[in-house]
């Protein structure tokens, strides 16, 4: 429960624009929780060793053919500087 609250707080800070640090979470935020342009690093193990998932909210939707967010795997070293 406490861990979930901490994740929600970190996402709220990132969405609110009050935090310039990159947010790293263990699970991907649910659809609709990120504003357009917000990026979040997800360390859920799906990208393999030495990489982390970078999610960017694009503001699109399935109806207009654009996904609501993009997902890419990036090097931990390149992205965490």
Protein backbone atom coordinates (compact mmCIF):
# COMPACT_ATOMS: atom_id res chain seq x y z
CA UNK A 1 0.00 0.00 0.00
CA UNK A 2 2.77 2.43 0.91
CA UNK A 3 4.73 1.56 -2.26
CA UNK A 4 1.65 2.18 -4.42
CA UNK A 5 1.16 5.54 -2.72
CA UNK A 6 4.77 6.51 -3.40
CA UNK A 7 4.40 5.63 -7.08
CA UNK A 8 1.19 7.66 -7.31
CA UNK A 9 2.91 10.60 -5.63
CA UNK A 10 5.91 10.42 -8.01
CA UNK A 11 3.62 10.27 -11.04
CA UNK A 12 1.57 13.17 -9.70
CA UNK A 13 4.72 15.26 -9.30
CA UNK A 14 5.84 14.46 -12.84
CA UNK A 15 2.42 15.15 -14.30
CA UNK A 16 2.11 18.38 -12.34
CA UNK A 17 5.41 19.65 -13.69
CA UNK A 18 6.80 20.39 -10.23
CA UNK A 19 9.66 17.93 -10.52
CA UNK A 20 12.39 18.13 -13.14
CA UNK A 21 13.93 14.74 -12.23
CA UNK A 22 13.11 11.70 -14.34
CA UNK A 23 10.60 9.42 -12.61
CA UNK A 24 11.44 5.71 -12.37
CA UNK A 25 8.64 3.31 -11.44
CA UNK A 26 8.33 -0.49 -11.25
CA UNK A 27 5.03 -0.77 -13.16
CA UNK A 28 3.66 1.12 -16.12
CA UNK A 29 1.12 3.85 -15.18
CA UNK A 30 -2.46 3.12 -16.25
CA UNK A 31 -3.85 4.72 -19.41
CA UNK A 32 -5.00 8.28 -18.81
CA UNK A 33 -2.61 8.98 -15.92
CA UNK A 34 0.00 10.85 -17.98
CA UNK A 35 -0.37 14.20 -19.67
CA UNK A 36 0.87 14.70 -23.23
CA UNK A 37 4.66 15.02 -23.38
CA UNK A 38 5.35 13.49 -19.95
CA UNK A 39 8.00 10.76 -19.90
CA UNK A 40 8.39 8.00 -17.33
CA UNK A 41 11.06 5.33 -16.95
CA UNK A 42 9.63 1.89 -16.13
CA UNK A 43 11.95 -0.69 -14.57
CA UNK A 44 9.75 -3.79 -15.00
CA UNK A 45 12.38 -6.06 -16.57
CA UNK A 46 10.78 -6.25 -20.02
CA UNK A 47 13.68 -4.57 -21.85
CA UNK A 48 16.48 -6.87 -20.77
CA UNK A 49 19.72 -6.34 -18.92
CA UNK A 50 21.17 -2.82 -18.97
CA UNK A 51 18.05 -1.29 -20.52
CA UNK A 52 14.95 0.41 -19.19
CA UNK A 53 11.58 1.20 -20.78
CA UNK A 54 10.96 4.86 -21.65
CA UNK A 55 7.27 5.76 -21.98
CA UNK A 56 6.16 9.07 -23.49
CA UNK A 57 2.53 10.19 -23.44
CA UNK A 58 1.82 11.30 -27.02
CA UNK A 59 -1.72 12.58 -26.63
CA UNK A 60 -3.02 10.42 -29.48
CA UNK A 61 -5.79 7.89 -29.29
CA UNK A 62 -6.68 4.66 -31.03
CA UNK A 63 -9.50 6.35 -32.98
CA UNK A 64 -7.18 8.70 -34.90
CA UNK A 65 -4.55 6.01 -35.46
CA UNK A 66 -1.97 7.37 -33.03
CA UNK A 67 -1.21 5.38 -29.89
CA UNK A 68 -1.77 7.23 -26.59
CA UNK A 69 1.85 6.59 -25.58
CA UNK A 70 5.09 5.40 -27.11
CA UNK A 71 7.32 2.77 -25.54
CA UNK A 72 11.03 2.32 -26.28
CA UNK A 73 13.88 0.51 -24.57
CA UNK A 74 16.88 2.74 -23.82
CA UNK A 75 20.25 2.17 -22.22
CA UNK A 76 20.22 2.86 -18.48
CA UNK A 77 23.51 4.75 -18.70
CA UNK A 78 22.39 7.02 -21.55
CA UNK A 79 19.07 7.95 -20.01
CA UNK A 80 19.89 8.32 -16.31
CA UNK A 81 22.53 11.06 -16.65
